[in-house]
Protein backbone atom coordinates (compact mmCIF):
# COMPACT_ATOMS: atom_id res chain seq x y z
CA MET A 1 -8.48 12.60 16.00
CA PHE A 2 -8.98 13.68 12.33
CA ASP A 3 -11.25 12.02 10.08
CA LYS A 4 -10.85 11.98 6.37
CA GLN A 5 -13.47 11.30 3.57
CA TRP A 6 -12.67 10.28 0.10
CA THR A 7 -15.14 10.10 -2.36
CA VAL A 8 -15.36 7.76 -5.78
CA GLU A 9 -17.70 8.86 -8.43
CA ILE A 10 -18.72 5.94 -10.73
CA HIS A 11 -20.05 6.74 -14.03
CA ILE A 12 -21.78 3.95 -15.98
CA THR A 13 -22.57 3.78 -19.61
CA GLU A 14 -24.16 0.97 -21.76
CA ASP A 15 -23.70 0.63 -25.47
CA ASP A 16 -27.15 0.84 -27.58
CA ASN A 17 -27.50 -2.90 -27.79
CA ASP A 18 -26.61 -3.68 -24.20
CA ASP A 19 -23.70 -5.83 -25.31
CA VAL A 20 -20.82 -3.54 -23.44
CA THR A 21 -20.88 -1.81 -20.23
CA THR A 22 -18.24 0.80 -19.37
CA ALA A 23 -17.50 2.11 -15.54
CA ARG A 24 -15.18 5.02 -14.86
CA ALA A 25 -14.27 5.37 -11.30
CA VAL A 26 -12.77 8.75 -10.29
CA LEU A 27 -11.18 9.41 -6.98
CA LEU A 28 -9.96 12.78 -5.96
CA THR A 29 -8.44 13.36 -2.53
CA ARG A 30 -8.39 16.54 -0.65
CA SER A 31 -4.73 16.76 -1.33
CA GLY A 32 -5.36 16.62 -5.26
CA THR A 33 -4.25 13.11 -5.91
CA ARG A 34 -6.46 12.05 -8.69
CA HIS A 35 -7.09 8.47 -9.93
CA GLU A 36 -9.35 7.30 -12.75
CA SER A 37 -10.02 3.58 -13.46
CA ILE A 38 -12.05 2.03 -16.11
CA GLY A 39 -13.83 -1.58 -16.12
CA TYR A 40 -15.60 -3.46 -18.85
CA ALA A 41 -18.25 -5.83 -18.97
CA ARG A 42 -19.22 -7.83 -21.97
CA ARG A 43 -22.48 -9.87 -22.65
CA ASN A 44 -22.41 -13.38 -24.03
CA PRO A 45 -24.65 -12.96 -27.11
CA ALA A 46 -26.19 -16.18 -25.82
CA ASP A 47 -27.18 -14.41 -22.69
CA ARG A 48 -30.28 -12.39 -22.32
CA PRO A 49 -29.66 -8.67 -21.16
CA VAL A 50 -29.61 -8.13 -17.55
CA PRO A 51 -27.91 -4.59 -17.13
CA GLU A 52 -27.60 -4.85 -13.37
CA ILE A 53 -24.99 -7.91 -14.01
CA GLY A 54 -22.81 -5.76 -16.60
CA ASP A 55 -23.03 -2.58 -14.09
CA GLU A 56 -21.64 -5.10 -11.25
CA LEU A 57 -18.93 -6.54 -13.14
CA ALA A 58 -18.04 -3.34 -14.83
CA VAL A 59 -17.86 -1.30 -11.45
CA GLY A 60 -16.21 -4.20 -9.75
CA ARG A 61 -13.33 -4.24 -12.31
CA ALA A 62 -13.16 -0.54 -12.07
CA LEU A 63 -12.91 -0.59 -8.33
CA ALA A 64 -10.41 -3.38 -8.37
CA ASP A 65 -8.08 -1.45 -10.75
CA LEU A 66 -8.37 1.66 -8.63
CA ALA A 67 -7.42 -0.47 -5.52
CA ASP A 68 -4.37 -1.54 -7.42
CA LYS A 69 -3.16 1.88 -8.19
CA LEU A 70 -3.73 3.13 -4.50
CA THR A 71 -1.69 0.30 -3.33
CA GLY A 72 0.97 0.87 -5.82
CA ASP A 73 1.04 4.61 -4.42
CA ALA A 74 1.43 3.29 -1.09
CA ALA A 75 4.29 0.75 -2.01
CA GLU A 76 5.97 3.91 -3.64
CA ASP A 77 5.63 6.22 -0.81
CA VAL A 78 7.05 3.57 1.48
CA ALA A 79 10.05 2.92 -0.68
CA GLN A 80 10.86 6.62 -0.84
CA LEU A 81 10.45 6.98 2.81
CA ALA A 82 12.75 4.05 3.53
CA GLY A 83 15.20 5.58 1.18
CA GLN A 84 15.39 8.52 3.06
CA GLY A 85 16.12 7.05 6.29
CA ARG A 86 19.43 5.42 4.97
CA PRO A 87 22.57 7.06 5.79
CA ALA A 88 24.58 8.08 2.49
């Protein structure tokens, strides 16, 4: 059995007023495939600042986008392989 490990780096930044949180998720596989996704969270001005909530929302959105990209890659790969198996 062969084990693989992929690592996702997540970088979180907040603006000076704690109004907008940006998360950047970066995946680099051993084969060299690289994906980068961005997620944002904006605080309602009426809400008190709780940075952890912004972090969770922004990271969740970045990871959801990353998941969509990986699923899209897999669908394209399956479609290409399916096309190779058909006679001309």
